[in-house]
Amino acid sequence: KVVPGTKDYKDNMELSLLRANAVANALAENGVSKRRLVPSGFGDLHPV
C-alpha cells in the first residue's frame, strides 16, 4: 500500500500511471513520435 501522507499520488493506480507517463515522456524526448505512444496504469491489478 502507498505510505499514508504521500502528496503526489493516493494509491498504486496513480503511481503506475505516473511512471508510465514518465517513460512515455522520456521516449518522446528522445525522438519517438508522441502519437505512437499510449501510456496507461494498472496498479497492482495484474501481478505476474
ModelCIF file with pLDDT and N, C-alpha, C, O atoms, coordinates in Angstrom:
data_MODEL
#
_entry.id   MODEL 
#
_entity.id                         1 
_entity.type                       polymer 
_entity.pdbx_number_of_molecules   1 
#
_entity_poly.entity_id                      1 
_entity_poly.type                           'polypeptide(L)' 
_entity_poly.nstd_linkage                   no 
_entity_poly.nstd_monomer                   no 
_entity_poly.pdbx_seq_one_letter_code       KVVPGTKDYKDNMELSLLRANAVANALAENGVSKRRLVPSGFGDLHPV 
_entity_poly.pdbx_seq_one_letter_code_can   KVVPGTKDYKDNMELSLLRANAVANALAENGVSKRRLVPSGFGDLHPV 
_entity_poly.pdbx_strand_id                 A 
#
loop_
_entity_poly_seq.entity_id 
_entity_poly_seq.num 
_entity_poly_seq.mon_id 
_entity_poly_seq.hetero 
1 1  LYS n 
1 2  VAL n 
1 3  VAL n 
1 4  PRO n 
1 5  GLY n 
1 6  THR n 
1 7  LYS n 
1 8  ASP n 
1 9  TYR n 
1 10 LYS n 
1 11 ASP n 
1 12 ASN n 
1 13 MET n 
1 14 GLU n 
1 15 LEU n 
1 16 SER n 
1 17 LEU n 
1 18 LEU n 
1 19 ARG n 
1 20 ALA n 
1 21 ASN n 
1 22 ALA n 
1 23 VAL n 
1 24 ALA n 
1 25 ASN n 
1 26 ALA n 
1 27 LEU n 
1 28 ALA n 
1 29 GLU n 
1 30 ASN n 
1 31 GLY n 
1 32 VAL n 
1 33 SER n 
1 34 LYS n 
1 35 ARG n 
1 36 ARG n 
1 37 LEU n 
1 38 VAL n 
1 39 PRO n 
1 40 SER n 
1 41 GLY n 
1 42 PHE n 
1 43 GLY n 
1 44 ASP n 
1 45 LEU n 
1 46 HIS n 
1 47 PRO n 
1 48 VAL n 
#
_struct_asym.id          A 
_struct_asym.entity_id   1 
#
loop_
_ma_qa_metric.id 
_ma_qa_metric.mode 
_ma_qa_metric.name 
_ma_qa_metric.software_group_id 
_ma_qa_metric.type 
1 global pLDDT . pLDDT 
2 local  pLDDT . pLDDT 
#
_ma_qa_metric_global.metric_id      1 
_ma_qa_metric_global.metric_value   90.52 
_ma_qa_metric_global.model_id       1 
_ma_qa_metric_global.ordinal_id     1 
#
loop_
_ma_qa_metric_local.label_asym_id 
_ma_qa_metric_local.label_comp_id 
_ma_qa_metric_local.label_seq_id 
_ma_qa_metric_local.metric_id 
_ma_qa_metric_local.metric_value 
_ma_qa_metric_local.model_id 
_ma_qa_metric_local.ordinal_id 
A LYS 1  2 88.00 1 1  
A VAL 2  2 86.00 1 2  
A VAL 3  2 82.00 1 3  
A PRO 4  2 79.00 1 4  
A GLY 5  2 76.00 1 5  
A THR 6  2 78.00 1 6  
A LYS 7  2 79.00 1 7  
A ASP 8  2 83.00 1 8  
A TYR 9  2 88.00 1 9  
A LYS 10 2 89.00 1 10 
A ASP 11 2 91.00 1 11 
A ASN 12 2 91.00 1 12 
A MET 13 2 93.00 1 13 
A GLU 14 2 92.00 1 14 
A LEU 15 2 93.00 1 15 
A SER 16 2 93.00 1 16 
A LEU 17 2 94.00 1 17 
A LEU 18 2 94.00 1 18 
A ARG 19 2 94.00 1 19 
A ALA 20 2 94.00 1 20 
A ASN 21 2 95.00 1 21 
A ALA 22 2 94.00 1 22 
A VAL 23 2 95.00 1 23 
A ALA 24 2 94.00 1 24 
A ASN 25 2 95.00 1 25 
A ALA 26 2 94.00 1 26 
A LEU 27 2 93.00 1 27 
A ALA 28 2 93.00 1 28 
A GLU 29 2 94.00 1 29 
A ASN 30 2 94.00 1 30 
A GLY 31 2 92.00 1 31 
A VAL 32 2 91.00 1 32 
A SER 33 2 90.00 1 33 
A LYS 34 2 90.00 1 34 
A ARG 35 2 90.00 1 35 
A ARG 36 2 87.00 1 36 
A LEU 37 2 92.00 1 37 
A VAL 38 2 93.00 1 38 
A PRO 39 2 94.00 1 39 
A SER 40 2 93.00 1 40 
A GLY 41 2 93.00 1 41 
A PHE 42 2 94.00 1 42 
A GLY 43 2 92.00 1 43 
A ASP 44 2 92.00 1 44 
A LEU 45 2 92.00 1 45 
A HIS 46 2 91.00 1 46 
A PRO 47 2 92.00 1 47 
A VAL 48 2 89.00 1 48 
#
loop_
_atom_site.group_PDB 
_atom_site.id 
_atom_site.type_symbol 
_atom_site.label_atom_id 
_atom_site.label_alt_id 
_atom_site.label_comp_id 
_atom_site.label_asym_id 
_atom_site.label_entity_id 
_atom_site.label_seq_id 
_atom_site.pdbx_PDB_ins_code 
_atom_site.Cartn_x 
_atom_site.Cartn_y 
_atom_site.Cartn_z 
_atom_site.occupancy 
_atom_site.B_iso_or_equiv 
_atom_site.pdbx_formal_charge 
_atom_site.auth_seq_id 
_atom_site.auth_comp_id 
_atom_site.auth_asym_id 
_atom_site.auth_atom_id 
_atom_site.pdbx_PDB_model_num 
ATOM 1   N N  . LYS A 1 1  ? 0.833  -1.198  0.000   1.00 88.00 ? 1  LYS A N  1 
ATOM 2   C CA . LYS A 1 1  ? 0.000  0.000   0.000   1.00 88.00 ? 1  LYS A CA 1 
ATOM 3   C C  . LYS A 1 1  ? 0.870  1.253   0.000   1.00 88.00 ? 1  LYS A C  1 
ATOM 4   O O  . LYS A 1 1  ? 2.005  1.245   0.477   1.00 88.00 ? 1  LYS A O  1 
ATOM 5   N N  . VAL A 1 2  ? 0.312  2.318   -0.544  1.00 86.00 ? 2  VAL A N  1 
ATOM 6   C CA . VAL A 1 2  ? 1.012  3.601   -0.570  1.00 86.00 ? 2  VAL A CA 1 
ATOM 7   C C  . VAL A 1 2  ? 1.153  4.121   0.854   1.00 86.00 ? 2  VAL A C  1 
ATOM 8   O O  . VAL A 1 2  ? 0.220  4.010   1.650   1.00 86.00 ? 2  VAL A O  1 
ATOM 9   N N  . VAL A 1 3  ? 2.310  4.688   1.182   1.00 82.00 ? 3  VAL A N  1 
ATOM 10  C CA . VAL A 1 3  ? 2.554  5.213   2.520   1.00 82.00 ? 3  VAL A CA 1 
ATOM 11  C C  . VAL A 1 3  ? 1.606  6.377   2.781   1.00 82.00 ? 3  VAL A C  1 
ATOM 12  O O  . VAL A 1 3  ? 1.550  7.312   1.981   1.00 82.00 ? 3  VAL A O  1 
ATOM 13  N N  . PRO A 1 4  ? 0.849  6.340   3.901   1.00 79.00 ? 4  PRO A N  1 
ATOM 14  C CA . PRO A 1 4  ? -0.070 7.454   4.204   1.00 79.00 ? 4  PRO A CA 1 
ATOM 15  C C  . PRO A 1 4  ? 0.666  8.776   4.290   1.00 79.00 ? 4  PRO A C  1 
ATOM 16  O O  . PRO A 1 4  ? 1.778  8.845   4.814   1.00 79.00 ? 4  PRO A O  1 
ATOM 17  N N  . GLY A 1 5  ? 0.040  9.828   3.771   1.00 76.00 ? 5  GLY A N  1 
ATOM 18  C CA . GLY A 1 5  ? 0.654  11.153  3.784   1.00 76.00 ? 5  GLY A CA 1 
ATOM 19  C C  . GLY A 1 5  ? 1.356  11.511  2.500   1.00 76.00 ? 5  GLY A C  1 
ATOM 20  O O  . GLY A 1 5  ? 1.823  12.641  2.355   1.00 76.00 ? 5  GLY A O  1 
ATOM 21  N N  . THR A 1 6  ? 1.451  10.564  1.538   1.00 78.00 ? 6  THR A N  1 
ATOM 22  C CA . THR A 1 6  ? 2.072  10.866  0.244   1.00 78.00 ? 6  THR A CA 1 
ATOM 23  C C  . THR A 1 6  ? 1.211  11.872  -0.509  1.00 78.00 ? 6  THR A C  1 
ATOM 24  O O  . THR A 1 6  ? 0.017  11.643  -0.698  1.00 78.00 ? 6  THR A O  1 
ATOM 25  N N  . LYS A 1 7  ? 1.796  12.973  -0.939  1.00 79.00 ? 7  LYS A N  1 
ATOM 26  C CA . LYS A 1 7  ? 1.012  14.049  -1.548  1.00 79.00 ? 7  LYS A CA 1 
ATOM 27  C C  . LYS A 1 7  ? 0.840  13.885  -3.048  1.00 79.00 ? 7  LYS A C  1 
ATOM 28  O O  . LYS A 1 7  ? -0.188 14.288  -3.592  1.00 79.00 ? 7  LYS A O  1 
ATOM 29  N N  . ASP A 1 8  ? 1.827  13.302  -3.735  1.00 83.00 ? 8  ASP A N  1 
ATOM 30  C CA . ASP A 1 8  ? 1.794  13.283  -5.197  1.00 83.00 ? 8  ASP A CA 1 
ATOM 31  C C  . ASP A 1 8  ? 0.777  12.285  -5.750  1.00 83.00 ? 8  ASP A C  1 
ATOM 32  O O  . ASP A 1 8  ? 0.250  12.494  -6.843  1.00 83.00 ? 8  ASP A O  1 
ATOM 33  N N  . TYR A 1 9  ? 0.498  11.230  -5.035  1.00 88.00 ? 9  TYR A N  1 
ATOM 34  C CA . TYR A 1 9  ? -0.472 10.231  -5.509  1.00 88.00 ? 9  TYR A CA 1 
ATOM 35  C C  . TYR A 1 9  ? -1.085 9.557   -4.272  1.00 88.00 ? 9  TYR A C  1 
ATOM 36  O O  . TYR A 1 9  ? -0.482 9.544   -3.199  1.00 88.00 ? 9  TYR A O  1 
ATOM 37  N N  . LYS A 1 10 ? -2.295 8.996   -4.439  1.00 89.00 ? 10 LYS A N  1 
ATOM 38  C CA . LYS A 1 10 ? -3.011 8.431   -3.288  1.00 89.00 ? 10 LYS A CA 1 
ATOM 39  C C  . LYS A 1 10 ? -3.022 6.907   -3.255  1.00 89.00 ? 10 LYS A C  1 
ATOM 40  O O  . LYS A 1 10 ? -3.312 6.309   -2.219  1.00 89.00 ? 10 LYS A O  1 
ATOM 41  N N  . ASP A 1 11 ? -2.697 6.262   -4.414  1.00 91.00 ? 11 ASP A N  1 
ATOM 42  C CA . ASP A 1 11 ? -2.715 4.798   -4.406  1.00 91.00 ? 11 ASP A CA 1 
ATOM 43  C C  . ASP A 1 11 ? -1.781 4.286   -5.502  1.00 91.00 ? 11 ASP A C  1 
ATOM 44  O O  . ASP A 1 11 ? -1.185 5.071   -6.239  1.00 91.00 ? 11 ASP A O  1 
ATOM 45  N N  . ASN A 1 12 ? -1.662 2.969   -5.597  1.00 91.00 ? 12 ASN A N  1 
ATOM 46  C CA . ASN A 1 12 ? -0.786 2.331   -6.579  1.00 91.00 ? 12 ASN A CA 1 
ATOM 47  C C  . ASN A 1 12 ? -1.242 2.575   -8.013  1.00 91.00 ? 12 ASN A C  1 
ATOM 48  O O  . ASN A 1 12 ? -0.415 2.603   -8.925  1.00 91.00 ? 12 ASN A O  1 
ATOM 49  N N  . MET A 1 13 ? -2.547 2.753   -8.227  1.00 93.00 ? 13 MET A N  1 
ATOM 50  C CA . MET A 1 13 ? -3.048 3.002   -9.575  1.00 93.00 ? 13 MET A CA 1 
ATOM 51  C C  . MET A 1 13 ? -2.471 4.314   -10.120 1.00 93.00 ? 13 MET A C  1 
ATOM 52  O O  . MET A 1 13 ? -2.008 4.369   -11.260 1.00 93.00 ? 13 MET A O  1 
ATOM 53  N N  . GLU A 1 14 ? -2.504 5.366   -9.297  1.00 92.00 ? 14 GLU A N  1 
ATOM 54  C CA . GLU A 1 14 ? -1.959 6.648   -9.733  1.00 92.00 ? 14 GLU A CA 1 
ATOM 55  C C  . GLU A 1 14 ? -0.439 6.563   -9.919  1.00 92.00 ? 14 GLU A C  1 
ATOM 56  O O  . GLU A 1 14 ? 0.108  7.140   -10.858 1.00 92.00 ? 14 GLU A O  1 
ATOM 57  N N  . LEU A 1 15 ? 0.239  5.838   -9.016  1.00 93.00 ? 15 LEU A N  1 
ATOM 58  C CA . LEU A 1 15 ? 1.690  5.700   -9.141  1.00 93.00 ? 15 LEU A CA 1 
ATOM 59  C C  . LEU A 1 15 ? 2.073  4.990   -10.439 1.00 93.00 ? 15 LEU A C  1 
ATOM 60  O O  . LEU A 1 15 ? 3.010  5.404   -11.121 1.00 93.00 ? 15 LEU A O  1 
ATOM 61  N N  . SER A 1 16 ? 1.349  3.925   -10.778 1.00 93.00 ? 16 SER A N  1 
ATOM 62  C CA . SER A 1 16 ? 1.669  3.194   -12.015 1.00 93.00 ? 16 SER A CA 1 
ATOM 63  C C  . SER A 1 16 ? 1.444  4.067   -13.239 1.00 93.00 ? 16 SER A C  1 
ATOM 64  O O  . SER A 1 16 ? 2.230  4.004   -14.185 1.00 93.00 ? 16 SER A O  1 
ATOM 65  N N  . LEU A 1 17 ? 0.373  4.893   -13.248 1.00 94.00 ? 17 LEU A N  1 
ATOM 66  C CA . LEU A 1 17 ? 0.108  5.772   -14.384 1.00 94.00 ? 17 LEU A CA 1 
ATOM 67  C C  . LEU A 1 17 ? 1.171  6.867   -14.483 1.00 94.00 ? 17 LEU A C  1 
ATOM 68  O O  . LEU A 1 17 ? 1.613  7.200   -15.583 1.00 94.00 ? 17 LEU A O  1 
ATOM 69  N N  . LEU A 1 18 ? 1.583  7.427   -13.348 1.00 94.00 ? 18 LEU A N  1 
ATOM 70  C CA . LEU A 1 18 ? 2.632  8.451   -13.365 1.00 94.00 ? 18 LEU A CA 1 
ATOM 71  C C  . LEU A 1 18 ? 3.945  7.887   -13.911 1.00 94.00 ? 18 LEU A C  1 
ATOM 72  O O  . LEU A 1 18 ? 4.647  8.567   -14.660 1.00 94.00 ? 18 LEU A O  1 
ATOM 73  N N  . ARG A 1 19 ? 4.277  6.659   -13.544 1.00 94.00 ? 19 ARG A N  1 
ATOM 74  C CA . ARG A 1 19 ? 5.506  6.043   -14.065 1.00 94.00 ? 19 ARG A CA 1 
ATOM 75  C C  . ARG A 1 19 ? 5.394  5.770   -15.559 1.00 94.00 ? 19 ARG A C  1 
ATOM 76  O O  . ARG A 1 19 ? 6.361  5.969   -16.294 1.00 94.00 ? 19 ARG A O  1 
ATOM 77  N N  . ALA A 1 20 ? 4.213  5.310   -16.028 1.00 94.00 ? 20 ALA A N  1 
ATOM 78  C CA . ALA A 1 20 ? 4.033  5.072   -17.467 1.00 94.00 ? 20 ALA A CA 1 
ATOM 79  C C  . ALA A 1 20 ? 4.162  6.384   -18.238 1.00 94.00 ? 20 ALA A C  1 
ATOM 80  O O  . ALA A 1 20 ? 4.778  6.425   -19.303 1.00 94.00 ? 20 ALA A O  1 
ATOM 81  N N  . ASN A 1 21 ? 3.569  7.476   -17.686 1.00 95.00 ? 21 ASN A N  1 
ATOM 82  C CA . ASN A 1 21 ? 3.705  8.784   -18.345 1.00 95.00 ? 21 ASN A CA 1 
ATOM 83  C C  . ASN A 1 21 ? 5.164  9.250   -18.371 1.00 95.00 ? 21 ASN A C  1 
ATOM 84  O O  . ASN A 1 21 ? 5.621  9.843   -19.348 1.00 95.00 ? 21 ASN A O  1 
ATOM 85  N N  . ALA A 1 22 ? 5.878  8.973   -17.290 1.00 94.00 ? 22 ALA A N  1 
ATOM 86  C CA . ALA A 1 22 ? 7.293  9.382   -17.248 1.00 94.00 ? 22 ALA A CA 1 
ATOM 87  C C  . ALA A 1 22 ? 8.094  8.664   -18.338 1.00 94.00 ? 22 ALA A C  1 
ATOM 88  O O  . ALA A 1 22 ? 8.933  9.286   -18.990 1.00 94.00 ? 22 ALA A O  1 
ATOM 89  N N  . VAL A 1 23 ? 7.848  7.364   -18.546 1.00 95.00 ? 23 VAL A N  1 
ATOM 90  C CA . VAL A 1 23 ? 8.556  6.604   -19.593 1.00 95.00 ? 23 VAL A CA 1 
ATOM 91  C C  . VAL A 1 23 ? 8.172  7.126   -20.968 1.00 95.00 ? 23 VAL A C  1 
ATOM 92  O O  . VAL A 1 23 ? 9.030  7.329   -21.827 1.00 95.00 ? 23 VAL A O  1 
ATOM 93  N N  . ALA A 1 24 ? 6.831  7.348   -21.178 1.00 94.00 ? 24 ALA A N  1 
ATOM 94  C CA . ALA A 1 24 ? 6.385  7.841   -22.484 1.00 94.00 ? 24 ALA A CA 1 
ATOM 95  C C  . ALA A 1 24 ? 6.983  9.208   -22.780 1.00 94.00 ? 24 ALA A C  1 
ATOM 96  O O  . ALA A 1 24 ? 7.409  9.462   -23.907 1.00 94.00 ? 24 ALA A O  1 
ATOM 97  N N  . ASN A 1 25 ? 7.022  10.094  -21.787 1.00 95.00 ? 25 ASN A N  1 
ATOM 98  C CA . ASN A 1 25 ? 7.603  11.423  -21.997 1.00 95.00 ? 25 ASN A CA 1 
ATOM 99  C C  . ASN A 1 25 ? 9.103  11.319  -22.306 1.00 95.00 ? 25 ASN A C  1 
ATOM 100 O O  . ASN A 1 25 ? 9.618  12.059  -23.144 1.00 95.00 ? 25 ASN A O  1 
ATOM 101 N N  . ALA A 1 26 ? 9.799  10.400  -21.627 1.00 94.00 ? 26 ALA A N  1 
ATOM 102 C CA . ALA A 1 26 ? 11.243 10.226  -21.903 1.00 94.00 ? 26 ALA A CA 1 
ATOM 103 C C  . ALA A 1 26 ? 11.474 9.703   -23.317 1.00 94.00 ? 26 ALA A C  1 
ATOM 104 O O  . ALA A 1 26 ? 12.418 10.127  -23.984 1.00 94.00 ? 26 ALA A O  1 
ATOM 105 N N  . LEU A 1 27 ? 10.614 8.778   -23.789 1.00 93.00 ? 27 LEU A N  1 
ATOM 106 C CA . LEU A 1 27 ? 10.724 8.274   -25.160 1.00 93.00 ? 27 LEU A CA 1 
ATOM 107 C C  . LEU A 1 27 ? 10.496 9.405   -26.154 1.00 93.00 ? 27 LEU A C  1 
ATOM 108 O O  . LEU A 1 27 ? 11.205 9.515   -27.154 1.00 93.00 ? 27 LEU A O  1 
ATOM 109 N N  . ALA A 1 28 ? 9.497  10.248  -25.870 1.00 93.00 ? 28 ALA A N  1 
ATOM 110 C CA . ALA A 1 28 ? 9.214  11.371  -26.776 1.00 93.00 ? 28 ALA A CA 1 
ATOM 111 C C  . ALA A 1 28 ? 10.372 12.355  -26.790 1.00 93.00 ? 28 ALA A C  1 
ATOM 112 O O  . ALA A 1 28 ? 10.714 12.898  -27.841 1.00 93.00 ? 28 ALA A O  1 
ATOM 113 N N  . GLU A 1 29 ? 10.982 12.590  -25.620 1.00 94.00 ? 29 GLU A N  1 
ATOM 114 C CA . GLU A 1 29 ? 12.128 13.498  -25.566 1.00 94.00 ? 29 GLU A CA 1 
ATOM 115 C C  . GLU A 1 29 ? 13.315 12.947  -26.363 1.00 94.00 ? 29 GLU A C  1 
ATOM 116 O O  . GLU A 1 29 ? 14.170 13.705  -26.821 1.00 94.00 ? 29 GLU A O  1 
ATOM 117 N N  . ASN A 1 30 ? 13.356 11.640  -26.520 1.00 94.00 ? 30 ASN A N  1 
ATOM 118 C CA . ASN A 1 30 ? 14.449 11.021  -27.282 1.00 94.00 ? 30 ASN A CA 1 
ATOM 119 C C  . ASN A 1 30 ? 14.070 10.770  -28.744 1.00 94.00 ? 30 ASN A C  1 
ATOM 120 O O  . ASN A 1 30 ? 14.723 9.981   -29.428 1.00 94.00 ? 30 ASN A O  1 
ATOM 121 N N  . GLY A 1 31 ? 13.012 11.440  -29.225 1.00 92.00 ? 31 GLY A N  1 
ATOM 122 C CA . GLY A 1 31 ? 12.720 11.424  -30.646 1.00 92.00 ? 31 GLY A CA 1 
ATOM 123 C C  . GLY A 1 31 ? 11.589 10.536  -31.109 1.00 92.00 ? 31 GLY A C  1 
ATOM 124 O O  . GLY A 1 31 ? 11.304 10.500  -32.306 1.00 92.00 ? 31 GLY A O  1 
ATOM 125 N N  . VAL A 1 32 ? 10.908 9.792   -30.186 1.00 91.00 ? 32 VAL A N  1 
ATOM 126 C CA . VAL A 1 32 ? 9.792  8.941   -30.600 1.00 91.00 ? 32 VAL A CA 1 
ATOM 127 C C  . VAL A 1 32 ? 8.553  9.809   -30.742 1.00 91.00 ? 32 VAL A C  1 
ATOM 128 O O  . VAL A 1 32 ? 8.277  10.657  -29.894 1.00 91.00 ? 32 VAL A O  1 
ATOM 129 N N  . SER A 1 33 ? 7.793  9.588   -31.842 1.00 90.00 ? 33 SER A N  1 
ATOM 130 C CA . SER A 1 33 ? 6.581  10.371  -32.080 1.00 90.00 ? 33 SER A CA 1 
ATOM 131 C C  . SER A 1 33 ? 5.546  10.077  -30.970 1.00 90.00 ? 33 SER A C  1 
ATOM 132 O O  . SER A 1 33 ? 5.282  8.921   -30.641 1.00 90.00 ? 33 SER A O  1 
ATOM 133 N N  . LYS A 1 34 ? 4.961  11.174  -30.395 1.00 90.00 ? 34 LYS A N  1 
ATOM 134 C CA . LYS A 1 34 ? 4.002  11.004  -29.303 1.00 90.00 ? 34 LYS A CA 1 
ATOM 135 C C  . LYS A 1 34 ? 2.744  10.259  -29.730 1.00 90.00 ? 34 LYS A C  1 
ATOM 136 O O  . LYS A 1 34 ? 2.109  9.585   -28.920 1.00 90.00 ? 34 LYS A O  1 
ATOM 137 N N  . ARG A 1 35 ? 2.384  10.386  -31.019 1.00 90.00 ? 35 ARG A N  1 
ATOM 138 C CA . ARG A 1 35 ? 1.160  9.723   -31.459 1.00 90.00 ? 35 ARG A CA 1 
ATOM 139 C C  . ARG A 1 35 ? 1.318  8.204   -31.488 1.00 90.00 ? 35 ARG A C  1 
ATOM 140 O O  . ARG A 1 35 ? 0.336  7.470   -31.593 1.00 90.00 ? 35 ARG A O  1 
ATOM 141 N N  . ARG A 1 36 ? 2.605  7.728   -31.392 1.00 87.00 ? 36 ARG A N  1 
ATOM 142 C CA . ARG A 1 36 ? 2.840  6.289   -31.349 1.00 87.00 ? 36 ARG A CA 1 
ATOM 143 C C  . ARG A 1 36 ? 2.876  5.747   -29.914 1.00 87.00 ? 36 ARG A C  1 
ATOM 144 O O  . ARG A 1 36 ? 3.018  4.541   -29.713 1.00 87.00 ? 36 ARG A O  1 
ATOM 145 N N  . LEU A 1 37 ? 2.748  6.635   -28.912 1.00 92.00 ? 37 LEU A N  1 
ATOM 146 C CA . LEU A 1 37 ? 2.893  6.222   -27.521 1.00 92.00 ? 37 LEU A CA 1 
ATOM 147 C C  . LEU A 1 37 ? 1.538  6.334   -26.797 1.00 92.00 ? 37 LEU A C  1 
ATOM 148 O O  . LEU A 1 37 ? 0.866  7.363   -26.870 1.00 92.00 ? 37 LEU A O  1 
ATOM 149 N N  . VAL A 1 38 ? 1.152  5.252   -26.095 1.00 93.00 ? 38 VAL A N  1 
ATOM 150 C CA . VAL A 1 38 ? -0.120 5.234   -25.325 1.00 93.00 ? 38 VAL A CA 1 
ATOM 151 C C  . VAL A 1 38 ? 0.193  4.747   -23.901 1.00 93.00 ? 38 VAL A C  1 
ATOM 152 O O  . VAL A 1 38 ? 0.263  3.539   -23.675 1.00 93.00 ? 38 VAL A O  1 
ATOM 153 N N  . PRO A 1 39 ? 0.384  5.668   -22.929 1.00 94.00 ? 39 PRO A N  1 
ATOM 154 C CA . PRO A 1 39 ? 0.678  5.251   -21.562 1.00 94.00 ? 39 PRO A CA 1 
ATOM 155 C C  . PRO A 1 39 ? -0.614 4.866   -20.797 1.00 94.00 ? 39 PRO A C  1 
ATOM 156 O O  . PRO A 1 39 ? -1.671 5.442   -21.054 1.00 94.00 ? 39 PRO A O  1 
ATOM 157 N N  . SER A 1 40 ? -0.534 3.919   -19.884 1.00 93.00 ? 40 SER A N  1 
ATOM 158 C CA . SER A 1 40 ? -1.669 3.505   -19.056 1.00 93.00 ? 40 SER A CA 1 
ATOM 159 C C  . SER A 1 40 ? -1.135 2.886   -17.768 1.00 93.00 ? 40 SER A C  1 
ATOM 160 O O  . SER A 1 40 ? -0.034 2.336   -17.741 1.00 93.00 ? 40 SER A O  1 
ATOM 161 N N  . GLY A 1 41 ? -1.941 2.984   -16.687 1.00 93.00 ? 41 GLY A N  1 
ATOM 162 C CA . GLY A 1 41 ? -1.531 2.441   -15.398 1.00 93.00 ? 41 GLY A CA 1 
ATOM 163 C C  . GLY A 1 41 ? -2.517 1.392   -14.894 1.00 93.00 ? 41 GLY A C  1 
ATOM 164 O O  . GLY A 1 41 ? -3.728 1.580   -15.006 1.00 93.00 ? 41 GLY A O  1 
ATOM 165 N N  . PHE A 1 42 ? -2.002 0.270   -14.329 1.00 94.00 ? 42 PHE A N  1 
ATOM 166 C CA . PHE A 1 42 ? -2.849 -0.822  -13.835 1.00 94.00 ? 42 PHE A CA 1 
ATOM 167 C C  . PHE A 1 42 ? -2.625 -1.115  -12.353 1.00 94.00 ? 42 PHE A C  1 
ATOM 168 O O  . PHE A 1 42 ? -3.225 -2.038  -11.802 1.00 94.00 ? 42 PHE A O  1 
ATOM 169 N N  . GLY A 1 43 ? -1.757 -0.325  -11.705 1.00 92.00 ? 43 GLY A N  1 
ATOM 170 C CA . GLY A 1 43 ? -1.541 -0.549  -10.287 1.00 92.00 ? 43 GLY A CA 1 
ATOM 171 C C  . GLY A 1 43 ? -1.079 -1.964  -9.998  1.00 92.00 ? 43 GLY A C  1 
ATOM 172 O O  . GLY A 1 43 ? -0.184 -2.480  -10.669 1.00 92.00 ? 43 GLY A O  1 
ATOM 173 N N  . ASP A 1 44 ? -1.706 -2.615  -8.969  1.00 92.00 ? 44 ASP A N  1 
ATOM 174 C CA . ASP A 1 44 ? -1.338 -3.992  -8.607  1.00 92.00 ? 44 ASP A CA 1 
ATOM 175 C C  . ASP A 1 44 ? -2.404 -4.998  -9.043  1.00 92.00 ? 44 ASP A C  1 
ATOM 176 O O  . ASP A 1 44 ? -2.510 -6.082  -8.469  1.00 92.00 ? 44 ASP A O  1 
ATOM 177 N N  . LEU A 1 45 ? -3.213 -4.628  -10.083 1.00 92.00 ? 45 LEU A N  1 
ATOM 178 C CA . LEU A 1 45 ? -4.319 -5.485  -10.502 1.00 92.00 ? 45 LEU A CA 1 
ATOM 179 C C  . LEU A 1 45 ? -3.875 -6.692  -11.313 1.00 92.00 ? 45 LEU A C  1 
ATOM 180 O O  . LEU A 1 45 ? -4.584 -7.697  -11.336 1.00 92.00 ? 45 LEU A O  1 
ATOM 181 N N  . HIS A 1 46 ? -2.726 -6.629  -11.979 1.00 91.00 ? 46 HIS A N  1 
ATOM 182 C CA . HIS A 1 46 ? -2.293 -7.720  -12.858 1.00 91.00 ? 46 HIS A CA 1 
ATOM 183 C C  . HIS A 1 46 ? -0.873 -8.170  -12.500 1.00 91.00 ? 46 HIS A C  1 
ATOM 184 O O  . HIS A 1 46 ? 0.067  -7.905  -13.249 1.00 91.00 ? 46 HIS A O  1 
ATOM 185 N N  . PRO A 1 47 ? -0.715 -8.844  -11.367 1.00 92.00 ? 47 PRO A N  1 
ATOM 186 C CA . PRO A 1 47 ? 0.631  -9.312  -10.998 1.00 92.00 ? 47 PRO A CA 1 
ATOM 187 C C  . PRO A 1 47 ? 1.055  -10.508 -11.856 1.00 92.00 ? 47 PRO A C  1 
ATOM 188 O O  . PRO A 1 47 ? 0.222  -11.306 -12.285 1.00 92.00 ? 47 PRO A O  1 
ATOM 189 N N  . VAL A 1 48 ? 2.381  -10.616 -12.100 1.00 89.00 ? 48 VAL A N  1 
ATOM 190 C CA . VAL A 1 48 ? 2.884  -11.781 -12.823 1.00 89.00 ? 48 VAL A CA 1 
ATOM 191 C C  . VAL A 1 48 ? 3.284  -12.873 -11.855 1.00 89.00 ? 48 VAL A C  1 
ATOM 192 O O  . VAL A 1 48 ? 3.733  -13.939 -12.278 1.00 89.00 ? 48 VAL A O  1 
#
